Amino acid sequence: MTEPSPEDGFSILEMIVAMTILALVLGIASQSIVLASRSIAIAKAQIEAARAARLMLANYEAAPNGSGERVQSGWRLQARPITVSKAKMAAVVIARTNGAGQPFLTFVPVKEPQ
């Protein structure tokens, strides 16, 4: 039977270094995955907000009256008529009903009744 050589296998120091490097790499990778998933969630929320704003603005422009307030699926549209020089405009604010996020403000020309 032969005696084991001191060079057989890994030393404890090599194993500690390898495990430390592995832990660092896995920690960085997991943080990257968490950051990416948060970014995806924020992007989805922004897309939903833009879609809701476009839909509500299209519904507002299609409606006959040019002022007031409308609430639709968690969103509120508020319109106030304003006059800029001779142009009749409506200031339209679209925001979440619970107050979360930033409101969207735009100006829309008021259609004259025909």
C-alpha atoms as a PDB file:
ATOM      1  CA  MET A   1       0.000   0.000   0.000  1.00  0.00           C
ATOM      2  CA  THR A   2       1.346   3.445  -0.863  1.00  0.00           C
ATOM      3  CA  GLU A   3       1.182   6.423   1.419  1.00  0.00           C
ATOM      4  CA  PRO A   4      -0.806   9.444   0.233  1.00  0.00           C
ATOM      5  CA  SER A   5       1.349  12.180  -1.175  1.00  0.00           C
ATOM      6  CA  PRO A   6       1.057  15.731   0.254  1.00  0.00           C
ATOM      7  CA  GLU A   7       0.271  16.901  -3.297  1.00  0.00           C
ATOM      8  CA  ASP A   8      -2.877  14.761  -3.700  1.00  0.00           C
ATOM      9  CA  GLY A   9      -6.170  16.748  -3.861  1.00  0.00           C
ATOM     10  CA  PHE A  10      -6.808  20.344  -2.810  1.00  0.00           C
ATOM     11  CA  SER A  11      -5.547  21.994   0.341  1.00  0.00           C
ATOM     12  CA  ILE A  12      -8.015  23.627   2.737  1.00  0.00           C
ATOM     13  CA  LEU A  13      -6.701  27.054   1.756  1.00  0.00           C
ATOM     14  CA  GLU A  14      -7.416  26.397  -1.930  1.00  0.00           C
ATOM     15  CA  MET A  15     -10.941  25.275  -1.072  1.00  0.00           C
ATOM     16  CA  ILE A  16     -11.589  28.409   1.033  1.00  0.00           C
ATOM     17  CA  VAL A  17     -10.358  30.672  -1.778  1.00  0.00           C
ATOM     18  CA  ALA A  18     -12.464  28.808  -4.364  1.00  0.00           C
ATOM     19  CA  MET A  19     -15.592  28.959  -2.188  1.00  0.00           C
ATOM     20  CA  THR A  20     -15.052  32.696  -1.520  1.00  0.00           C
ATOM     21  CA  ILE A  21     -14.755  33.429  -5.228  1.00  0.00           C
ATOM     22  CA  LEU A  22     -17.856  31.329  -5.927  1.00  0.00           C
ATOM     23  CA  ALA A  23     -19.830  33.178  -3.235  1.00  0.00           C
ATOM     24  CA  LEU A  24     -18.832  36.556  -4.681  1.00  0.00           C
ATOM     25  CA  VAL A  25     -19.781  35.561  -8.214  1.00  0.00           C
ATOM     26  CA  LEU A  26     -23.137  34.147  -7.100  1.00  0.00           C
ATOM     27  CA  GLY A  27     -23.859  37.266  -5.026  1.00  0.00           C
ATOM     28  CA  ILE A  28     -23.171  39.567  -7.966  1.00  0.00           C
ATOM     29  CA  ALA A  29     -25.217  37.377 -10.299  1.00  0.00           C
ATOM     30  CA  SER A  30     -28.198  37.293  -7.927  1.00  0.00           C
ATOM     31  CA  GLN A  31     -28.119  41.090  -7.509  1.00  0.00           C
ATOM     32  CA  SER A  32     -28.059  41.478 -11.287  1.00  0.00           C
ATOM     33  CA  ILE A  33     -31.092  39.221 -11.624  1.00  0.00           C
ATOM     34  CA  VAL A  34     -33.003  41.136  -8.929  1.00  0.00           C
ATOM     35  CA  LEU A  35     -32.140  44.482 -10.544  1.00  0.00           C
ATOM     36  CA  ALA A  36     -33.227  43.216 -13.959  1.00  0.00           C
ATOM     37  CA  SER A  37     -36.555  41.945 -12.617  1.00  0.00           C
ATOM     38  CA  ARG A  38     -37.222  45.296 -10.901  1.00  0.00           C
ATOM     39  CA  SER A  39     -36.427  47.123 -14.133  1.00  0.00           C
ATOM     40  CA  ILE A  40     -38.841  44.884 -16.015  1.00  0.00           C
ATOM     41  CA  ALA A  41     -41.585  45.557 -13.455  1.00  0.00           C
ATOM     42  CA  ILE A  42     -41.024  49.325 -13.696  1.00  0.00           C
ATOM     43  CA  ALA A  43     -41.049  49.181 -17.495  1.00  0.00           C
ATOM     44  CA  LYS A  44     -44.326  47.232 -17.454  1.00  0.00           C
ATOM     45  CA  ALA A  45     -45.883  49.811 -15.127  1.00  0.00           C
ATOM     46  CA  GLN A  46     -44.732  52.651 -17.390  1.00  0.00           C
ATOM     47  CA  ILE A  47     -46.134  50.914 -20.469  1.00  0.00           C
ATOM     48  CA  GLU A  48     -49.461  50.375 -18.671  1.00  0.00           C
ATOM     49  CA  ALA A  49     -49.551  54.040 -17.618  1.00  0.00           C
ATOM     50  CA  ALA A  50     -48.831  55.230 -21.161  1.00  0.00           C
ATOM     51  CA  ARG A  51     -51.488  52.887 -22.581  1.00  0.00           C
ATOM     52  CA  ALA A  52     -54.077  54.079 -20.062  1.00  0.00           C
ATOM     53  CA  ALA A  53     -53.223  57.735 -20.742  1.00  0.00           C
ATOM     54  CA  ARG A  54     -53.544  57.251 -24.517  1.00  0.00           C
ATOM     55  CA  LEU A  55     -56.851  55.410 -24.123  1.00  0.00           C
ATOM     56  CA  MET A  56     -58.344  57.982 -21.777  1.00  0.00           C
ATOM     57  CA  LEU A  57     -57.143  60.855 -23.944  1.00  0.00           C
ATOM     58  CA  ALA A  58     -58.658  59.235 -27.041  1.00  0.00           C
ATOM     59  CA  ASN A  59     -61.958  58.728 -25.186  1.00  0.00           C
ATOM     60  CA  TYR A  60     -61.851  62.343 -23.995  1.00  0.00           C
ATOM     61  CA  GLU A  61     -61.257  63.684 -27.514  1.00  0.00           C
ATOM     62  CA  ALA A  62     -64.113  61.555 -28.860  1.00  0.00           C
ATOM     63  CA  ALA A  63     -66.566  62.806 -26.206  1.00  0.00           C
ATOM     64  CA  PRO A  64     -68.778  65.795 -27.016  1.00  0.00           C
ATOM     65  CA  ASN A  65     -68.204  67.893 -23.877  1.00  0.00           C
ATOM     66  CA  GLY A  66     -64.783  69.399 -23.256  1.00  0.00           C
ATOM     67  CA  SER A  67     -64.484  69.615 -19.477  1.00  0.00           C
ATOM     68  CA  GLY A  68     -65.112  67.645 -16.335  1.00  0.00           C
ATOM     69  CA  GLU A  69     -63.748  64.557 -14.701  1.00  0.00           C
ATOM     70  CA  ARG A  70     -63.801  60.920 -15.753  1.00  0.00           C
ATOM     71  CA  VAL A  71     -62.636  57.848 -13.841  1.00  0.00           C
ATOM     72  CA  GLN A  72     -61.749  54.644 -15.626  1.00  0.00           C
ATOM     73  CA  SER A  73     -60.061  51.493 -14.243  1.00  0.00           C
ATOM     74  CA  GLY A  74     -57.959  53.174 -11.564  1.00  0.00           C
ATOM     75  CA  TRP A  75     -57.201  56.335 -13.546  1.00  0.00           C
ATOM     76  CA  ARG A  76     -58.727  59.812 -13.306  1.00  0.00           C
ATOM     77  CA  LEU A  77     -58.915  62.338 -16.137  1.00  0.00           C
ATOM     78  CA  GLN A  78     -59.562  65.952 -15.197  1.00  0.00           C
ATOM     79  CA  ALA A  79     -60.085  68.584 -17.888  1.00  0.00           C
ATOM     80  CA  ARG A  80     -60.352  72.339 -17.464  1.00  0.00           C
ATOM     81  CA  PRO A  81     -61.059  74.722 -20.341  1.00  0.00           C
ATOM     82  CA  ILE A  82     -58.497  77.492 -20.837  1.00  0.00           C
ATOM     83  CA  THR A  83     -58.094  80.249 -23.404  1.00  0.00           C
ATOM     84  CA  VAL A  84     -54.698  80.974 -24.923  1.00  0.00           C
ATOM     85  CA  SER A  85     -54.901  84.103 -27.101  1.00  0.00           C
ATOM     86  CA  LYS A  86     -57.843  83.252 -29.346  1.00  0.00           C
ATOM     87  CA  ALA A  87     -57.381  79.490 -29.180  1.00  0.00           C
ATOM     88  CA  LYS A  88     -59.650  77.474 -26.943  1.00  0.00           C
ATOM     89  CA  MET A  89     -57.759  74.686 -25.225  1.00  0.00           C
ATOM     90  CA  ALA A  90     -58.372  72.199 -22.460  1.00  0.00           C
ATOM     91  CA  ALA A  91     -55.760  71.375 -19.842  1.00  0.00           C
ATOM     92  CA  VAL A  92     -56.028  67.624 -19.323  1.00  0.00           C
ATOM     93  CA  VAL A  93     -54.484  65.897 -16.289  1.00  0.00           C
ATOM     94  CA  ILE A  94     -54.433  62.091 -16.127  1.00  0.00           C
ATOM     95  CA  ALA A  95     -53.402  60.523 -12.802  1.00  0.00           C
ATOM     96  CA  ARG A  96     -53.922  57.385 -10.756  1.00  0.00           C
ATOM     97  CA  THR A  97     -56.940  57.517  -8.476  1.00  0.00           C
ATOM     98  CA  ASN A  98     -54.796  56.407  -5.496  1.00  0.00           C
ATOM     99  CA  GLY A  99     -52.299  59.244  -6.080  1.00  0.00           C
ATOM    100  CA  ALA A 100     -49.359  56.959  -6.884  1.00  0.00           C
ATOM    101  CA  GLY A 101     -46.878  58.065  -9.519  1.00  0.00           C
ATOM    102  CA  GLN A 102     -46.625  61.323 -11.375  1.00  0.00           C
ATOM    103  CA  PRO A 103     -49.642  62.854 -13.171  1.00  0.00           C
ATOM    104  CA  PHE A 104     -49.596  63.356 -16.938  1.00  0.00           C
ATOM    105  CA  LEU A 105     -50.469  66.859 -18.187  1.00  0.00           C
ATOM    106  CA  THR A 106     -51.300  67.759 -21.768  1.00  0.00           C
ATOM    107  CA  PHE A 107     -53.177  70.462 -23.646  1.00  0.00           C
ATOM    108  CA  VAL A 108     -55.831  69.572 -26.208  1.00  0.00           C
ATOM    109  CA  PRO A 109     -57.675  71.914 -28.580  1.00  0.00           C
ATOM    110  CA  VAL A 110     -61.386  72.156 -27.827  1.00  0.00           C
ATOM    111  CA  LYS A 111     -63.598  71.181 -30.726  1.00  0.00           C
ATOM    112  CA  GLU A 112     -66.351  73.616 -31.565  1.00  0.00           C
ATOM    113  CA  PRO A 113     -69.837  72.045 -31.574  1.00  0.00           C
ATOM    114  CA  GLN A 114     -71.144  71.563 -35.079  1.00  0.00           C
END
